[in-house]
Amino acid sequence: MRRVYPQRIPPGPGKESVWDYPRPPSVEAAKKHLRIIFNDVLIADSSAVLRVLETSSPPVYYIPPEDVHMQYLLPIIDRTLCEWKGSASYFDVQVGNRLAMKAAWTYKTPNPSYAHIKDHIAFYASKMDVCTLDGERVRPQSSDFYGGWITQDIVGPFKGQEGTLHW
């Protein structure tokens, strides 16, 4: 049986296609103001974020730890391995009696090519109440595995959507 892949959406003016992002992923300064709110509390607020760009996925935003209210992040024992970035460590996010499990992650000892993101924190938009970039509310990438943030300036199709399991 021959696999059929979704067609790349051509980006219009001022837009990016995730199909133009590199593999292995690249890291760059985002030049955007990011805010994250959970249970009516500001969890992160930064204009110094980095974004990781990988073919077929929306950008993942990494926030310097000094711009994250770390008292709300609870380290957990879960780990995953990224072939490019290395071993990721995870956090639950708790504000008051509300808990978002495995809602954020970091690379404490990333592979040398990704040293820029060391100790920076990334969040699953799907597990937070509000995540914004320059005031725009982001949409989470489909699937609990991927952590990309979808904004109006990027086009897909995006890995994680229905029919993309074997990309």
N, C-alpha and C. Protein backbone atom coordinates (compact mmCIF):
# COMPACT_ATOMS: atom_id res chain seq x y z
N MET A 1 0.84 -1.18 0.00
CA MET A 1 0.00 0.00 0.00
C MET A 1 0.89 1.25 0.00
N ARG A 2 0.62 2.15 -0.89
CA ARG A 2 1.39 3.37 -1.04
C ARG A 2 0.89 4.43 -0.05
N ARG A 3 1.83 5.07 0.68
CA ARG A 3 1.45 6.13 1.61
C ARG A 3 1.16 7.42 0.86
N VAL A 4 0.14 8.13 1.31
CA VAL A 4 -0.19 9.43 0.75
C VAL A 4 0.08 10.47 1.84
N TYR A 5 0.89 11.46 1.52
CA TYR A 5 1.23 12.50 2.48
C TYR A 5 0.45 13.77 2.17
N PRO A 6 0.04 14.49 3.22
CA PRO A 6 -0.64 15.77 2.99
C PRO A 6 0.28 16.72 2.21
N GLN A 7 -0.31 17.56 1.43
CA GLN A 7 0.44 18.52 0.62
C GLN A 7 0.85 19.73 1.44
N ARG A 8 2.06 20.20 1.22
CA ARG A 8 2.58 21.41 1.84
C ARG A 8 1.69 22.58 1.43
N ILE A 9 1.34 23.42 2.39
CA ILE A 9 0.57 24.63 2.10
C ILE A 9 1.58 25.73 1.77
N PRO A 10 1.50 26.32 0.59
CA PRO A 10 2.45 27.39 0.25
C PRO A 10 2.25 28.59 1.18
N PRO A 11 3.34 29.13 1.74
CA PRO A 11 3.18 30.29 2.63
C PRO A 11 2.91 31.56 1.83
N GLY A 12 1.99 32.35 2.31
CA GLY A 12 1.72 33.65 1.69
C GLY A 12 2.69 34.69 2.23
N PRO A 13 2.52 35.93 1.86
CA PRO A 13 3.39 37.01 2.35
C PRO A 13 3.38 37.08 3.88
N GLY A 14 4.56 37.17 4.45
CA GLY A 14 4.68 37.29 5.90
C GLY A 14 4.45 36.01 6.67
N LYS A 15 4.35 34.89 5.96
CA LYS A 15 4.11 33.59 6.61
C LYS A 15 5.29 32.66 6.37
N GLU A 16 5.40 31.65 7.25
CA GLU A 16 6.43 30.63 7.13
C GLU A 16 5.75 29.28 6.98
N SER A 17 6.36 28.38 6.22
CA SER A 17 5.90 27.01 6.14
C SER A 17 6.79 26.15 7.03
N VAL A 18 6.17 25.30 7.83
CA VAL A 18 6.96 24.40 8.67
C VAL A 18 7.76 23.42 7.81
N TRP A 19 7.38 23.30 6.54
CA TRP A 19 8.10 22.42 5.62
C TRP A 19 9.40 23.05 5.12
N ASP A 20 9.60 24.33 5.43
CA ASP A 20 10.86 24.99 5.11
C ASP A 20 11.82 24.99 6.30
N TYR A 21 11.36 24.51 7.45
CA TYR A 21 12.23 24.41 8.62
C TYR A 21 13.22 23.26 8.42
N PRO A 22 14.39 23.34 9.02
CA PRO A 22 15.45 22.35 8.77
C PRO A 22 15.30 21.06 9.58
N ARG A 23 16.05 20.08 9.16
CA ARG A 23 16.25 18.84 9.90
C ARG A 23 17.72 18.49 9.74
N PRO A 24 18.51 18.44 10.79
CA PRO A 24 18.12 18.60 12.20
C PRO A 24 17.61 20.02 12.49
N PRO A 25 16.90 20.15 13.63
CA PRO A 25 16.30 21.43 13.97
C PRO A 25 17.33 22.54 14.19
N SER A 26 16.87 23.78 14.00
CA SER A 26 17.70 24.94 14.30
C SER A 26 17.13 25.67 15.52
N VAL A 27 17.98 26.51 16.12
CA VAL A 27 17.59 27.33 17.27
C VAL A 27 17.84 28.78 16.91
N GLU A 28 16.86 29.64 17.18
CA GLU A 28 17.04 31.07 16.91
C GLU A 28 16.27 31.89 17.93
N ALA A 29 16.68 33.15 18.08
CA ALA A 29 15.95 34.09 18.93
C ALA A 29 14.58 34.33 18.29
N ALA A 30 13.54 34.35 19.11
CA ALA A 30 12.18 34.47 18.58
C ALA A 30 11.77 35.91 18.30
N LYS A 31 12.32 36.87 19.00
CA LYS A 31 11.95 38.29 18.81
C LYS A 31 10.46 38.50 19.01
N LYS A 32 9.89 37.78 19.97
CA LYS A 32 8.47 37.91 20.29
C LYS A 32 8.32 37.96 21.80
N HIS A 33 7.21 38.56 22.25
CA HIS A 33 6.89 38.61 23.67
C HIS A 33 5.95 37.45 23.99
N LEU A 34 6.38 36.60 24.89
CA LEU A 34 5.64 35.39 25.26
C LEU A 34 5.07 35.54 26.66
N ARG A 35 3.84 35.06 26.83
CA ARG A 35 3.20 35.02 28.16
C ARG A 35 2.44 33.71 28.30
N ILE A 36 2.49 33.15 29.52
CA ILE A 36 1.77 31.90 29.83
C ILE A 36 1.01 32.12 31.13
N ILE A 37 -0.28 31.75 31.10
CA ILE A 37 -1.14 31.87 32.28
C ILE A 37 -1.75 30.51 32.57
N PHE A 38 -1.76 30.16 33.86
CA PHE A 38 -2.40 28.92 34.31
C PHE A 38 -3.13 29.20 35.62
N ASN A 39 -4.38 28.84 35.69
CA ASN A 39 -5.21 29.05 36.88
C ASN A 39 -5.18 30.52 37.33
N ASP A 40 -5.27 31.42 36.34
CA ASP A 40 -5.30 32.87 36.56
C ASP A 40 -3.99 33.44 37.13
N VAL A 41 -2.90 32.69 37.01
CA VAL A 41 -1.59 33.17 37.49
C VAL A 41 -0.62 33.20 36.32
N LEU A 42 0.15 34.28 36.25
CA LEU A 42 1.19 34.40 35.23
C LEU A 42 2.33 33.45 35.57
N ILE A 43 2.58 32.50 34.69
CA ILE A 43 3.63 31.50 34.90
C ILE A 43 4.94 31.94 34.25
N ALA A 44 4.85 32.56 33.08
CA ALA A 44 6.05 33.01 32.35
C ALA A 44 5.73 34.28 31.58
N ASP A 45 6.75 35.14 31.50
CA ASP A 45 6.63 36.40 30.77
C ASP A 45 8.02 36.74 30.28
N SER A 46 8.22 36.72 28.96
CA SER A 46 9.58 36.90 28.44
C SER A 46 9.59 37.48 27.04
N SER A 47 10.60 38.28 26.78
CA SER A 47 10.89 38.74 25.42
C SER A 47 12.26 38.23 24.98
N ALA A 48 12.78 37.25 25.72
CA ALA A 48 14.11 36.69 25.43
C ALA A 48 14.02 35.22 25.08
N VAL A 49 12.94 34.81 24.41
CA VAL A 49 12.71 33.40 24.13
C VAL A 49 13.48 32.93 22.90
N LEU A 50 13.75 31.66 22.89
CA LEU A 50 14.36 30.99 21.74
C LEU A 50 13.30 30.10 21.12
N ARG A 51 13.39 29.89 19.82
CA ARG A 51 12.48 28.93 19.21
C ARG A 51 13.29 27.88 18.47
N VAL A 52 12.80 26.66 18.57
CA VAL A 52 13.41 25.53 17.87
C VAL A 52 12.50 25.23 16.68
N LEU A 53 13.12 25.20 15.51
CA LEU A 53 12.40 24.99 14.25
C LEU A 53 12.80 23.65 13.67
N GLU A 54 11.82 22.78 13.45
CA GLU A 54 12.07 21.45 12.90
C GLU A 54 11.05 21.15 11.81
N THR A 55 11.52 20.57 10.73
CA THR A 55 10.67 20.23 9.60
C THR A 55 9.36 19.60 10.06
N SER A 56 8.27 20.14 9.59
CA SER A 56 6.88 19.67 9.75
C SER A 56 6.25 19.98 11.10
N SER A 57 6.98 20.65 12.00
CA SER A 57 6.41 20.98 13.31
C SER A 57 6.38 22.48 13.54
N PRO A 58 5.32 22.98 14.19
CA PRO A 58 5.32 24.39 14.58
C PRO A 58 6.48 24.66 15.55
N PRO A 59 6.94 25.89 15.66
CA PRO A 59 8.04 26.20 16.57
C PRO A 59 7.73 25.81 18.01
N VAL A 60 8.76 25.38 18.71
CA VAL A 60 8.69 25.17 20.15
C VAL A 60 9.47 26.31 20.78
N TYR A 61 8.87 26.97 21.77
CA TYR A 61 9.47 28.15 22.40
C TYR A 61 10.09 27.78 23.73
N TYR A 62 11.34 28.19 23.92
CA TYR A 62 12.10 27.92 25.14
C TYR A 62 12.36 29.24 25.86
N ILE A 63 12.00 29.27 27.14
CA ILE A 63 12.00 30.48 27.95
C ILE A 63 13.16 30.42 28.95
N PRO A 64 13.93 31.50 29.08
CA PRO A 64 14.98 31.50 30.10
C PRO A 64 14.37 31.29 31.49
N PRO A 65 15.01 30.50 32.35
CA PRO A 65 14.42 30.19 33.66
C PRO A 65 14.15 31.43 34.51
N GLU A 66 14.93 32.50 34.32
CA GLU A 66 14.69 33.71 35.12
C GLU A 66 13.38 34.41 34.73
N ASP A 67 12.78 34.03 33.60
CA ASP A 67 11.50 34.60 33.17
C ASP A 67 10.32 33.67 33.45
N VAL A 68 10.58 32.59 34.18
CA VAL A 68 9.54 31.63 34.55
C VAL A 68 9.40 31.65 36.07
N HIS A 69 8.17 31.69 36.56
CA HIS A 69 7.93 31.61 38.00
C HIS A 69 8.08 30.15 38.42
N MET A 70 9.32 29.79 38.71
CA MET A 70 9.70 28.39 38.94
C MET A 70 9.01 27.77 40.15
N GLN A 71 8.48 28.58 41.06
CA GLN A 71 7.81 28.01 42.24
C GLN A 71 6.57 27.20 41.86
N TYR A 72 6.07 27.38 40.63
CA TYR A 72 4.89 26.64 40.19
C TYR A 72 5.25 25.36 39.43
N LEU A 73 6.54 25.15 39.18
CA LEU A 73 6.99 23.98 38.44
C LEU A 73 7.52 22.93 39.40
N LEU A 74 7.00 21.72 39.29
CA LEU A 74 7.40 20.62 40.15
C LEU A 74 8.16 19.59 39.30
N PRO A 75 9.46 19.41 39.56
CA PRO A 75 10.20 18.41 38.78
C PRO A 75 9.61 17.02 38.98
N ILE A 76 9.55 16.25 37.89
CA ILE A 76 9.08 14.87 37.98
C ILE A 76 10.16 13.96 37.39
N ILE A 77 10.01 12.67 37.54
CA ILE A 77 11.07 11.75 37.12
C ILE A 77 11.03 11.37 35.64
N ASP A 78 9.97 11.73 34.95
CA ASP A 78 9.86 11.38 33.52
C ASP A 78 11.01 11.98 32.72
N ARG A 79 11.51 11.19 31.77
CA ARG A 79 12.56 11.64 30.85
C ARG A 79 12.21 11.12 29.46
N THR A 80 12.61 11.87 28.45
CA THR A 80 12.54 11.39 27.08
C THR A 80 13.86 11.72 26.41
N LEU A 81 14.08 11.10 25.26
CA LEU A 81 15.32 11.33 24.53
C LEU A 81 15.00 11.83 23.13
N CYS A 82 15.55 12.98 22.80
CA CYS A 82 15.45 13.53 21.46
C CYS A 82 16.76 13.22 20.75
N GLU A 83 16.66 12.68 19.55
CA GLU A 83 17.88 12.31 18.83
C GLU A 83 18.78 13.51 18.57
N TRP A 84 18.22 14.71 18.58
CA TRP A 84 19.01 15.92 18.29
C TRP A 84 19.42 16.64 19.57
N LYS A 85 18.45 16.91 20.44
CA LYS A 85 18.71 17.76 21.59
C LYS A 85 19.24 17.02 22.81
N GLY A 86 18.93 15.75 22.95
CA GLY A 86 19.41 14.98 24.10
C GLY A 86 18.27 14.58 25.02
N SER A 87 18.57 14.47 26.31
CA SER A 87 17.61 13.99 27.30
C SER A 87 16.82 15.15 27.91
N ALA A 88 15.49 15.06 27.82
CA ALA A 88 14.61 16.09 28.38
C ALA A 88 14.09 15.66 29.74
N SER A 89 14.02 16.63 30.66
CA SER A 89 13.43 16.44 31.99
C SER A 89 12.12 17.21 32.02
N TYR A 90 11.15 16.72 32.80
CA TYR A 90 9.81 17.28 32.79
C TYR A 90 9.38 17.88 34.12
N PHE A 91 8.34 18.71 34.04
CA PHE A 91 7.74 19.35 35.21
C PHE A 91 6.23 19.21 35.14
N ASP A 92 5.61 19.05 36.30
CA ASP A 92 4.19 19.32 36.45
C ASP A 92 4.09 20.80 36.77
N VAL A 93 2.96 21.41 36.47
CA VAL A 93 2.72 22.81 36.83
C VAL A 93 1.54 22.82 37.79
N GLN A 94 1.76 23.43 38.98
CA GLN A 94 0.70 23.48 39.97
C GLN A 94 0.53 24.91 40.47
N VAL A 95 -0.71 25.38 40.40
CA VAL A 95 -1.10 26.67 40.95
C VAL A 95 -2.33 26.42 41.80
N GLY A 96 -2.20 26.67 43.11
CA GLY A 96 -3.30 26.37 44.03
C GLY A 96 -3.59 24.89 44.00
N ASN A 97 -4.86 24.52 43.88
CA ASN A 97 -5.21 23.10 43.86
C ASN A 97 -5.31 22.54 42.44
N ARG A 98 -4.87 23.31 41.44
CA ARG A 98 -4.95 22.85 40.05
C ARG A 98 -3.58 22.37 39.57
N LEU A 99 -3.55 21.20 38.95
CA LEU A 99 -2.31 20.57 38.51
C LEU A 99 -2.39 20.22 37.03
N ALA A 100 -1.36 20.60 36.29
CA ALA A 100 -1.21 20.18 34.89
C ALA A 100 -0.01 19.24 34.86
N MET A 101 -0.29 17.98 34.59
CA MET A 101 0.77 16.97 34.64
C MET A 101 1.63 16.99 33.38
N LYS A 102 2.93 16.86 33.60
CA LYS A 102 3.92 16.80 32.53
C LYS A 102 3.66 17.92 31.51
N ALA A 103 3.61 19.14 32.02
CA ALA A 103 3.19 20.30 31.23
C ALA A 103 4.36 21.11 30.67
N ALA A 104 5.57 20.86 31.16
CA ALA A 104 6.73 21.64 30.72
C ALA A 104 7.97 20.74 30.74
N TRP A 105 8.98 21.16 30.00
CA TRP A 105 10.22 20.37 29.96
C TRP A 105 11.43 21.27 29.75
N THR A 106 12.60 20.68 30.01
CA THR A 106 13.87 21.38 29.86
C THR A 106 14.95 20.39 29.46
N TYR A 107 16.05 20.92 28.96
CA TYR A 107 17.24 20.12 28.68
C TYR A 107 18.34 20.63 29.59
N LYS A 108 18.66 19.86 30.63
CA LYS A 108 19.69 20.27 31.59
C LYS A 108 21.09 20.08 31.03
N THR A 109 21.25 19.08 30.19
CA THR A 109 22.56 18.82 29.55
C THR A 109 22.32 18.48 28.09
N PRO A 110 21.92 19.49 27.30
CA PRO A 110 21.63 19.21 25.89
C PRO A 110 22.89 18.83 25.12
N ASN A 111 22.69 18.20 23.98
CA ASN A 111 23.82 17.93 23.10
C ASN A 111 24.46 19.27 22.72
N PRO A 112 25.78 19.28 22.46
CA PRO A 112 26.49 20.54 22.23
C PRO A 112 25.87 21.48 21.20
N SER A 113 25.29 20.96 20.14
CA SER A 113 24.68 21.81 19.11
C SER A 113 23.47 22.58 19.63
N TYR A 114 22.92 22.17 20.77
CA TYR A 114 21.73 22.79 21.33
C TYR A 114 22.00 23.42 22.69
N ALA A 115 23.25 23.77 22.94
CA ALA A 115 23.65 24.38 24.22
C ALA A 115 22.85 25.65 24.51
N HIS A 116 22.37 26.35 23.48
CA HIS A 116 21.60 27.59 23.66
C HIS A 116 20.36 27.38 24.53
N ILE A 117 19.75 26.20 24.45
CA ILE A 117 18.49 25.98 25.18
C ILE A 117 18.71 25.37 26.57
N LYS A 118 19.94 25.19 26.96
CA LYS A 118 20.23 24.61 28.29
C LYS A 118 19.44 25.34 29.38
N ASP A 119 18.72 24.57 30.17
CA ASP A 119 17.93 25.06 31.31
C ASP A 119 16.73 25.93 30.95
N HIS A 120 16.54 26.25 29.68
CA HIS A 120 15.34 26.98 29.27
C HIS A 120 14.14 26.04 29.41
N ILE A 121 12.97 26.62 29.60
CA ILE A 121 11.76 25.84 29.84
C ILE A 121 10.81 25.99 28.66
N ALA A 122 10.26 24.87 28.19
CA ALA A 122 9.22 24.87 27.15
C ALA A 122 7.94 24.33 27.78
N PHE A 123 6.80 24.81 27.28
CA PHE A 123 5.50 24.42 27.83
C PHE A 123 4.60 23.89 26.71
N TYR A 124 3.79 22.89 27.06
CA TYR A 124 2.73 22.45 26.17
C TYR A 124 1.60 23.46 26.25
N ALA A 125 1.31 24.15 25.17
CA ALA A 125 0.21 25.12 25.16
C ALA A 125 -1.11 24.44 25.50
N SER A 126 -1.26 23.18 25.14
CA SER A 126 -2.51 22.46 25.39
C SER A 126 -2.79 22.26 26.87
N LYS A 127 -1.76 22.37 27.70
CA LYS A 127 -1.93 22.11 29.13
C LYS A 127 -2.01 23.39 29.96
N MET A 128 -1.79 24.53 29.32
CA MET A 128 -1.89 25.82 29.99
C MET A 128 -3.21 26.48 29.59
N ASP A 129 -3.66 27.46 30.37
CA ASP A 129 -4.93 28.12 30.06
C ASP A 129 -4.79 29.11 28.91
N VAL A 130 -3.72 29.89 28.92
CA VAL A 130 -3.48 30.89 27.88
C VAL A 130 -1.99 30.96 27.61
N CYS A 131 -1.63 30.87 26.34
CA CYS A 131 -0.26 31.09 25.89
C CYS A 131 -0.34 32.09 24.74
N THR A 132 0.45 33.16 24.83
CA THR A 132 0.42 34.17 23.78
C THR A 132 1.82 34.51 23.28
N LEU A 133 1.87 34.90 22.02
CA LEU A 133 3.07 35.45 21.40
C LEU A 133 2.68 36.80 20.81
N ASP A 134 3.32 37.85 21.28
CA ASP A 134 2.98 39.21 20.85
C ASP A 134 1.47 39.46 20.93
N GLY A 135 0.85 38.94 21.98
CA GLY A 135 -0.58 39.16 22.21
C GLY A 135 -1.51 38.20 21.49
N GLU A 136 -0.98 37.43 20.53
CA GLU A 136 -1.81 36.45 19.82
C GLU A 136 -1.90 35.16 20.63
N ARG A 137 -3.11 34.70 20.85
CA ARG A 137 -3.29 33.42 21.54
C ARG A 137 -2.89 32.29 20.60
N VAL A 138 -1.99 31.44 21.06
CA VAL A 138 -1.51 30.36 20.20
C VAL A 138 -2.44 29.16 20.28
N ARG A 139 -2.37 28.33 19.24
CA ARG A 139 -3.07 27.04 19.23
C ARG A 139 -2.01 25.96 19.44
N PRO A 140 -2.30 24.96 20.25
CA PRO A 140 -1.31 23.90 20.47
C PRO A 140 -1.23 22.96 19.27
N GLN A 141 -0.04 22.44 19.06
CA GLN A 141 0.14 21.39 18.06
C GLN A 141 -0.62 20.16 18.54
N SER A 142 -1.25 19.46 17.61
CA SER A 142 -2.00 18.25 17.96
C SER A 142 -1.07 17.21 18.55
N SER A 143 -1.60 16.41 19.45
CA SER A 143 -0.91 15.29 20.08
C SER A 143 -0.25 15.75 21.37
N ASP A 144 -0.21 14.87 22.34
CA ASP A 144 0.46 15.17 23.61
C ASP A 144 1.97 14.95 23.51
N PHE A 145 2.44 14.49 22.37
CA PHE A 145 3.88 14.26 22.21
C PHE A 145 4.60 15.51 21.74
N TYR A 146 3.97 16.27 20.84
CA TYR A 146 4.62 17.44 20.26
C TYR A 146 4.24 18.70 21.02
N GLY A 147 5.18 19.64 21.11
CA GLY A 147 4.94 20.85 21.90
C GLY A 147 4.95 22.13 21.10
N GLY A 148 4.72 22.07 19.79
CA GLY A 148 4.76 23.27 18.97
C GLY A 148 3.59 24.21 19.23
N TRP A 149 3.84 25.49 18.96
CA TRP A 149 2.83 26.53 19.11
C TRP A 149 2.46 27.05 17.73
N ILE A 150 1.18 27.02 17.40
CA ILE A 150 0.71 27.45 16.08
C ILE A 150 0.19 28.89 16.18
N THR A 151 0.71 29.73 15.31
CA THR A 151 0.28 31.12 15.22
C THR A 151 -0.17 31.40 13.79
N GLN A 152 -0.76 32.57 13.59
CA GLN A 152 -1.29 32.91 12.26
C GLN A 152 -0.20 33.07 11.21
N ASP A 153 1.06 33.18 11.62
CA ASP A 153 2.12 33.41 10.64
C ASP A 153 2.83 32.14 10.18
N ILE A 154 2.32 30.96 10.57
CA ILE A 154 2.91 29.71 10.07
C ILE A 154 1.83 28.84 9.45
N VAL A 155 2.25 28.05 8.46
CA VAL A 155 1.33 27.14 7.79
C VAL A 155 1.91 25.73 7.78
N GLY A 156 1.07 24.74 7.61
CA GLY A 156 1.46 23.33 7.65
C GLY A 156 1.29 22.65 6.32
N PRO A 157 0.79 21.43 6.37
CA PRO A 157 0.21 20.73 7.52
C PRO A 157 1.28 20.44 8.58
N PHE A 158 0.80 20.24 9.83
CA PHE A 158 1.67 20.07 10.97
C PHE A 158 1.74 18.61 11.40
N LYS A 159 2.94 18.17 11.73
CA LYS A 159 3.10 16.83 12.30
C LYS A 159 2.25 16.75 13.56
N GLY A 160 1.57 15.62 13.75
CA GLY A 160 0.70 15.43 14.89
C GLY A 160 -0.76 15.47 14.52
N GLN A 161 -1.07 16.08 13.35
CA GLN A 161 -2.46 16.10 12.89
C GLN A 161 -2.83 14.69 12.43
N GLU A 162 -4.12 14.44 12.32
CA GLU A 162 -4.59 13.14 11.87
C GLU A 162 -3.93 12.77 10.54
N GLY A 163 -3.48 11.55 10.46
CA GLY A 163 -2.85 11.06 9.23
C GLY A 163 -1.35 11.30 9.15
N THR A 164 -0.74 11.83 10.22
CA THR A 164 0.68 12.15 10.16
C THR A 164 1.53 11.22 11.03
N LEU A 165 0.97 10.17 11.54
CA LEU A 165 1.68 9.29 12.45
C LEU A 165 2.99 8.77 11.88
N HIS A 166 3.04 8.49 10.60
CA HIS A 166 4.23 7.85 10.01
C HIS A 166 5.10 8.79 9.20
N TRP A 167 5.01 10.08 9.41
CA TRP A 167 5.87 11.03 8.70
C TRP A 167 7.28 10.88 9.16
